[in-house]
C-alpha atoms as a PDB file:
ATOM      1  CA  MET A   1      17.028  21.525   4.469  1.00  0.00           C
ATOM      2  CA  LYS A   2      20.278  23.347   5.206  1.00  0.00           C
ATOM      3  CA  PHE A   3      20.785  26.921   6.324  1.00  0.00           C
ATOM      4  CA  ASP A   4      23.870  29.135   6.139  1.00  0.00           C
ATOM      5  CA  ARG A   5      23.473  30.294   9.717  1.00  0.00           C
ATOM      6  CA  SER A   6      23.473  27.766  12.527  1.00  0.00           C
ATOM      7  CA  ALA A   7      20.827  29.720  14.448  1.00  0.00           C
ATOM      8  CA  SER A   8      18.439  29.344  11.516  1.00  0.00           C
ATOM      9  CA  GLN A   9      19.157  25.624  11.367  1.00  0.00           C
ATOM     10  CA  VAL A  10      18.438  25.253  15.100  1.00  0.00           C
ATOM     11  CA  ALA A  11      15.204  27.238  14.807  1.00  0.00           C
ATOM     12  CA  TYR A  12      14.081  25.088  11.882  1.00  0.00           C
ATOM     13  CA  GLN A  13      14.881  21.859  13.747  1.00  0.00           C
ATOM     14  CA  GLU A  14      12.921  23.102  16.759  1.00  0.00           C
ATOM     15  CA  TYR A  15      10.003  23.954  14.487  1.00  0.00           C
ATOM     16  CA  LEU A  16      10.031  20.438  13.016  1.00  0.00           C
ATOM     17  CA  GLN A  17      10.180  18.877  16.481  1.00  0.00           C
ATOM     18  CA  GLN A  18       7.214  20.946  17.662  1.00  0.00           C
ATOM     19  CA  LEU A  19       5.276  19.977  14.542  1.00  0.00           C
ATOM     20  CA  LYS A  20       5.889  16.275  15.231  1.00  0.00           C
ATOM     21  CA  GLU A  21       4.786  16.682  18.839  1.00  0.00           C
ATOM     22  CA  PHE A  22       1.591  18.501  17.804  1.00  0.00           C
ATOM     23  CA  GLN A  23       0.813  15.755  15.296  1.00  0.00           C
ATOM     24  CA  GLN A  24       1.234  13.116  18.002  1.00  0.00           C
ATOM     25  CA  ARG A  25      -1.019  15.060  20.377  1.00  0.00           C
ATOM     26  CA  LEU A  26      -3.648  15.476  17.675  1.00  0.00           C
ATOM     27  CA  LYS A  27      -3.587  11.749  16.934  1.00  0.00           C
ATOM     28  CA  LEU A  28      -4.022  10.960  20.634  1.00  0.00           C
ATOM     29  CA  LEU A  29      -6.913  13.424  20.961  1.00  0.00           C
ATOM     30  CA  GLU A  30      -8.618  11.943  17.903  1.00  0.00           C
ATOM     31  CA  GLN A  31      -8.313   8.482  19.443  1.00  0.00           C
ATOM     32  CA  LYS A  32      -9.814   9.708  22.713  1.00  0.00           C
ATOM     33  CA  ILE A  33     -12.699  11.370  20.869  1.00  0.00           C
ATOM     34  CA  GLU A  34     -13.395   8.141  18.990  1.00  0.00           C
ATOM     35  CA  GLU A  35     -13.384   6.213  22.273  1.00  0.00           C
ATOM     36  CA  GLN A  36     -15.863   8.646  23.800  1.00  0.00           C
ATOM     37  CA  ALA A  37     -18.058   8.481  20.710  1.00  0.00           C
ATOM     38  CA  LYS A  38     -18.237   4.701  21.095  1.00  0.00           C
ATOM     39  CA  ASP A  39     -18.318   4.237  24.844  1.00  0.00           C
ATOM     40  CA  GLY A  40     -18.964   7.591  26.511  1.00  0.00           C
ATOM     41  CA  ILE A  41     -22.119   8.771  28.210  1.00  0.00           C
ATOM     42  CA  HIS A  42     -23.217  10.652  25.060  1.00  0.00           C
ATOM     43  CA  ALA A  43     -22.317   7.819  22.669  1.00  0.00           C
ATOM     44  CA  PRO A  44     -25.917   7.095  21.579  1.00  0.00           C
ATOM     45  CA  MET A  45     -26.481  10.719  20.607  1.00  0.00           C
ATOM     46  CA  ILE A  46     -23.123  10.999  18.859  1.00  0.00           C
ATOM     47  CA  GLN A  47     -23.779   7.846  16.890  1.00  0.00           C
ATOM     48  CA  THR A  48     -27.072   9.198  15.535  1.00  0.00           C
ATOM     49  CA  LEU A  49     -25.546  12.448  14.242  1.00  0.00           C
ATOM     50  CA  PRO A  50     -24.208  11.027  10.945  1.00  0.00           C
ATOM     51  CA  ASN A  51     -27.661   9.721  10.047  1.00  0.00           C
ATOM     52  CA  LEU A  52     -29.271  13.066  10.825  1.00  0.00           C
ATOM     53  CA  LEU A  53     -26.704  14.853   8.659  1.00  0.00           C
ATOM     54  CA  LYS A  54     -27.117  12.348   5.842  1.00  0.00           C
ATOM     55  CA  ASN A  55     -30.898  12.806   5.848  1.00  0.00           C
ATOM     56  CA  GLY A  56     -30.638  16.592   5.874  1.00  0.00           C
ATOM     57  CA  LEU A  57     -32.171  16.931   9.312  1.00  0.00           C
ATOM     58  CA  LEU A  58     -29.237  18.989  10.615  1.00  0.00           C
END
């Protein structure tokens, strides 16, 4: 995307960079949550939640 004013172009590029960084952080957080769900202290409870939801118990 191109802008007539250079300041607008810079602002847009900064916006895109921030968006990429947030997406990377979100991906990392999702990975950490998955690790905790598998290996963390509350893993057994977390692993039973899908079954409870599926059976309408939650």
